[in-house]
N, C-alpha and C. Protein backbone atom coordinates (compact mmCIF):
# COMPACT_ATOMS: atom_id res chain seq x y z
N ARG A 1 1.21 20.46 65.80
CA ARG A 1 2.29 21.66 66.28
C ARG A 1 3.91 20.65 66.26
N LEU A 2 4.92 21.13 65.88
CA LEU A 2 6.02 20.41 65.70
C LEU A 2 7.08 21.46 66.85
N THR A 3 7.77 20.78 67.56
CA THR A 3 8.32 21.38 68.48
C THR A 3 10.00 21.27 67.79
N GLY A 4 10.96 21.51 68.58
CA GLY A 4 11.74 21.16 68.63
C GLY A 4 12.85 22.06 67.74
N LEU A 5 12.55 22.84 66.97
CA LEU A 5 12.79 23.79 65.97
C LEU A 5 13.80 24.75 66.06
N GLU A 6 14.16 24.90 67.19
CA GLU A 6 14.96 26.07 68.10
C GLU A 6 16.40 26.23 66.75
N THR A 7 16.95 25.20 66.14
CA THR A 7 17.96 25.34 65.18
C THR A 7 17.24 26.38 64.05
N LEU A 8 16.17 26.41 63.70
CA LEU A 8 15.88 26.99 62.32
C LEU A 8 16.26 28.40 62.05
N GLU A 9 16.26 28.78 62.96
CA GLU A 9 16.65 30.47 62.99
C GLU A 9 17.84 30.56 63.10
N GLY A 10 18.89 29.91 62.86
CA GLY A 10 20.35 30.22 62.59
C GLY A 10 21.00 29.65 61.36
N LYS A 11 19.68 29.11 60.42
CA LYS A 11 20.32 28.74 59.38
C LYS A 11 20.77 29.42 58.24
N GLU A 12 20.44 29.87 56.57
CA GLU A 12 20.53 30.37 55.64
C GLU A 12 19.53 31.68 55.73
N SER A 13 18.42 31.16 56.14
CA SER A 13 17.31 32.41 56.83
C SER A 13 17.47 32.33 57.99
N PRO A 14 16.08 32.69 58.39
CA PRO A 14 14.94 32.40 59.58
C PRO A 14 14.24 31.61 59.29
N ARG A 15 14.63 30.37 59.17
CA ARG A 15 13.67 29.45 58.42
C ARG A 15 12.57 29.14 59.38
N LEU A 16 12.25 29.09 60.39
CA LEU A 16 10.91 28.78 61.15
C LEU A 16 9.96 30.19 60.80
N SER A 17 10.83 31.33 61.11
CA SER A 17 9.96 33.04 60.73
C SER A 17 9.56 33.00 58.77
N VAL A 18 9.90 32.52 57.97
CA VAL A 18 9.77 32.30 56.59
C VAL A 18 8.64 31.54 56.46
N LEU A 19 8.77 30.08 57.28
CA LEU A 19 7.88 29.44 56.56
C LEU A 19 6.74 29.72 57.70
N ALA A 20 6.74 30.40 58.77
CA ALA A 20 5.43 30.63 59.04
C ALA A 20 4.98 31.71 58.59
N GLU A 21 5.48 32.76 57.67
CA GLU A 21 4.64 33.87 56.85
C GLU A 21 4.13 33.34 55.61
N ALA A 22 4.91 32.67 55.09
CA ALA A 22 4.62 31.78 53.75
C ALA A 22 3.06 30.90 54.18
N LEU A 23 3.39 30.18 55.21
CA LEU A 23 2.02 29.15 55.41
C LEU A 23 0.74 30.36 55.65
N PHE A 24 0.85 31.86 56.47
CA PHE A 24 -0.08 32.57 56.96
C PHE A 24 0.05 32.90 55.42
N ALA A 25 0.88 33.31 54.56
CA ALA A 25 -0.12 33.96 52.98
C ALA A 25 -0.77 33.31 52.43
N VAL A 26 -0.39 31.92 52.85
CA VAL A 26 -1.73 30.74 51.68
C VAL A 26 -3.22 30.75 52.77
N GLY A 27 -2.85 31.49 53.83
CA GLY A 27 -4.29 31.36 54.33
C GLY A 27 -4.25 30.22 55.28
N CYS A 28 -2.94 29.96 55.60
CA CYS A 28 -3.15 28.75 57.19
C CYS A 28 -3.37 29.85 58.54
N ALA A 29 -3.97 29.32 59.43
CA ALA A 29 -3.74 29.78 60.80
C ALA A 29 -2.50 29.48 61.34
N VAL A 30 -1.77 30.29 61.74
CA VAL A 30 0.07 29.83 61.95
C VAL A 30 0.16 30.74 63.36
N GLU A 31 0.40 29.72 64.29
CA GLU A 31 1.28 30.32 65.76
C GLU A 31 2.52 30.29 65.83
N THR A 32 3.55 30.94 66.11
CA THR A 32 4.87 30.16 66.18
C THR A 32 5.52 31.28 67.84
N THR A 33 6.34 29.85 68.58
CA THR A 33 7.19 30.26 69.99
C THR A 33 8.55 30.08 69.43
N PRO A 34 9.38 30.44 70.24
CA PRO A 34 10.77 29.85 69.85
C PRO A 34 10.95 28.34 69.76
N GLY A 35 11.14 27.97 68.87
CA GLY A 35 11.45 26.54 68.46
C GLY A 35 10.30 25.91 68.57
N SER A 36 8.95 26.20 68.26
CA SER A 36 7.61 25.29 67.72
C SER A 36 6.62 26.28 66.44
N ILE A 37 6.25 25.58 65.89
CA ILE A 37 4.69 26.11 65.25
C ILE A 37 4.08 25.28 65.29
N ARG A 38 2.71 26.32 65.21
CA ARG A 38 1.64 25.56 65.09
C ARG A 38 0.76 25.92 63.71
N VAL A 39 0.43 24.82 63.05
CA VAL A 39 -0.75 24.87 61.87
C VAL A 39 -1.82 24.50 61.77
N ALA A 40 -3.00 25.55 61.64
CA ALA A 40 -4.50 24.95 61.53
C ALA A 40 -5.12 25.39 59.81
N PRO A 41 -5.58 24.88 59.75
CA PRO A 41 -6.66 25.46 58.22
C PRO A 41 -7.05 26.75 58.88
N GLY A 42 -7.21 27.41 57.71
CA GLY A 42 -7.61 28.98 57.58
C GLY A 42 -8.52 29.37 56.52
N THR A 43 -8.53 30.35 55.92
CA THR A 43 -9.05 30.82 54.95
C THR A 43 -8.10 30.91 53.66
N ARG A 44 -8.28 29.98 52.61
CA ARG A 44 -7.54 30.14 51.46
C ARG A 44 -7.58 31.34 51.06
N THR A 45 -6.36 32.32 50.55
CA THR A 45 -6.35 33.50 50.13
C THR A 45 -6.41 33.18 48.68
N SER A 46 -6.81 34.27 47.58
CA SER A 46 -6.68 33.84 46.29
C SER A 46 -6.23 35.06 45.85
N GLY A 47 -5.78 34.82 44.09
CA GLY A 47 -5.09 35.26 43.56
C GLY A 47 -3.34 35.12 43.69
N GLU A 48 -2.64 35.75 42.44
CA GLU A 48 -1.50 35.18 42.69
C GLU A 48 -0.58 35.65 43.67
N LEU A 49 0.00 34.73 43.91
CA LEU A 49 1.29 34.49 45.43
C LEU A 49 2.75 34.36 45.17
N VAL A 50 3.49 35.44 45.35
CA VAL A 50 4.92 35.24 45.50
C VAL A 50 5.45 35.59 46.99
N LEU A 51 5.95 33.81 46.90
CA LEU A 51 6.76 33.52 48.20
C LEU A 51 8.29 34.01 48.32
N ASP A 52 8.74 34.69 49.04
CA ASP A 52 10.39 34.81 48.86
C ASP A 52 11.04 33.90 49.99
N PRO A 53 12.24 32.77 49.31
CA PRO A 53 12.38 31.45 50.07
C PRO A 53 14.09 32.85 50.65
N ARG A 54 13.85 33.67 50.91
CA ARG A 54 15.25 34.86 51.24
C ARG A 54 16.68 33.74 50.98
N ASN A 55 16.35 33.51 49.09
CA ASN A 55 17.79 32.85 49.18
C ASN A 55 18.24 31.80 49.76
N ASP A 56 17.51 31.13 50.38
CA ASP A 56 17.68 29.87 50.98
C ASP A 56 16.49 28.45 50.40
N HIS A 57 17.91 27.48 49.59
CA HIS A 57 17.40 26.49 49.18
C HIS A 57 16.66 25.24 49.68
N ARG A 58 16.41 25.18 50.75
CA ARG A 58 15.33 24.27 51.32
C ARG A 58 14.16 25.14 51.72
N MET A 59 13.68 26.55 52.21
CA MET A 59 12.54 27.11 51.91
C MET A 59 11.87 26.92 50.38
N ALA A 60 12.66 27.18 49.58
CA ALA A 60 12.30 27.20 47.76
C ALA A 60 11.60 26.05 48.22
N PHE A 61 12.63 24.43 48.44
CA PHE A 61 11.58 23.08 48.40
C PHE A 61 10.43 23.21 48.81
N ALA A 62 10.25 23.79 50.07
CA ALA A 62 8.91 23.89 50.46
C ALA A 62 7.94 24.89 50.08
N PHE A 63 8.51 26.03 49.56
CA PHE A 63 6.86 26.89 48.64
C PHE A 63 6.98 26.04 47.72
N ALA A 64 7.91 25.09 46.50
CA ALA A 64 7.38 24.29 45.73
C ALA A 64 6.39 23.54 46.18
N LEU A 65 6.56 22.73 47.21
CA LEU A 65 5.30 21.49 47.91
C LEU A 65 3.76 23.21 47.65
N LEU A 66 3.92 23.39 48.81
CA LEU A 66 3.02 24.64 48.38
C LEU A 66 2.59 25.06 46.89
N GLY A 67 3.52 24.95 46.02
CA GLY A 67 2.78 25.34 44.88
C GLY A 67 1.94 23.83 44.01
N LEU A 68 1.94 22.74 44.24
CA LEU A 68 1.87 21.50 43.94
C LEU A 68 0.29 22.01 43.90
N GLU A 69 -0.07 22.16 45.17
CA GLU A 69 -1.08 22.50 45.45
C GLU A 69 -2.55 23.62 45.19
N ARG A 70 -1.20 24.54 44.30
CA ARG A 70 -1.70 26.25 43.83
C ARG A 70 -1.11 26.32 42.87
N GLU A 71 -1.84 26.72 42.25
CA GLU A 71 -1.11 27.30 40.73
C GLU A 71 -0.56 28.42 40.54
N ASP A 72 -1.14 29.24 41.41
CA ASP A 72 -0.74 30.54 40.97
C ASP A 72 0.21 31.04 41.91
N LEU A 73 0.68 30.03 42.73
CA LEU A 73 1.84 30.36 43.61
C LEU A 73 3.15 30.54 42.90
N ARG A 74 3.94 31.44 43.18
CA ARG A 74 5.34 31.51 42.69
C ARG A 74 6.71 31.76 43.31
N VAL A 75 7.53 31.48 43.36
CA VAL A 75 8.59 31.36 43.77
C VAL A 75 9.61 32.52 43.53
N GLN A 76 9.64 33.19 44.36
CA GLN A 76 11.24 34.61 44.04
C GLN A 76 12.22 33.65 43.96
N ASN A 77 12.86 33.74 42.91
CA ASN A 77 14.55 33.76 42.99
C ASN A 77 14.67 32.38 43.48
N PRO A 78 13.75 31.98 41.88
CA PRO A 78 13.50 30.06 41.80
C PRO A 78 15.22 29.48 41.65
N ALA A 79 16.35 29.96 41.41
CA ALA A 79 17.41 29.66 40.91
C ALA A 79 18.03 29.16 42.34
N CYS A 80 18.01 29.76 43.12
CA CYS A 80 18.45 29.83 44.63
C CYS A 80 18.77 28.11 45.17
N VAL A 81 18.05 27.19 44.15
CA VAL A 81 17.86 25.79 44.58
C VAL A 81 19.21 25.42 44.15
N ALA A 82 20.00 25.79 43.28
CA ALA A 82 21.09 25.48 42.48
C ALA A 82 22.05 24.97 43.69
N LYS A 83 22.24 25.30 44.50
CA LYS A 83 23.10 25.30 45.69
C LYS A 83 23.24 23.68 45.99
N SER A 84 22.29 22.96 46.10
CA SER A 84 21.71 21.72 46.52
C SER A 84 21.48 20.93 45.58
N TRP A 85 20.46 21.15 44.17
CA TRP A 85 19.82 20.19 43.81
C TRP A 85 19.38 21.49 42.02
N PRO A 86 20.47 21.58 41.52
CA PRO A 86 20.19 22.14 40.50
C PRO A 86 19.33 22.02 39.30
N SER A 87 19.00 20.86 39.32
CA SER A 87 17.63 20.33 38.14
C SER A 87 16.31 20.00 39.26
N PHE A 88 16.42 20.94 40.31
CA PHE A 88 15.18 20.58 40.92
C PHE A 88 13.60 20.74 40.65
N TRP A 89 13.87 21.96 39.63
CA TRP A 89 12.68 22.32 38.95
C TRP A 89 12.25 21.39 37.99
N THR A 90 13.37 21.55 36.93
CA THR A 90 13.03 20.25 35.95
C THR A 90 12.39 18.85 36.47
N ASP A 91 13.54 18.13 37.54
CA ASP A 91 12.64 17.10 37.79
C ASP A 91 11.21 17.20 38.44
N LEU A 92 10.95 18.47 39.45
CA LEU A 92 9.59 18.57 39.92
C LEU A 92 8.61 18.46 38.84
N ALA A 93 8.86 18.88 37.57
CA ALA A 93 7.87 19.18 36.46
C ALA A 93 7.63 17.58 35.89
């Protein structure tokens, strides 16, 4: 369980909510409260999965890490990382 995350909802995207949605989409059991998230193993989903970082570069970075484990994962609007790390996708490859 991660706590002290109250400020994440007021950033470029509602980060805590976006992260919870993505983790749930890949099959994790997720529980959120204002300012906290609890993640547990769940049932891995199958098939192509497209995650929407809501134009938030930090969410795209987080989703990229999920993609290292799951080849069928795609990040919608991957260009949003250009705000802070234009060569991110090239560097990651």
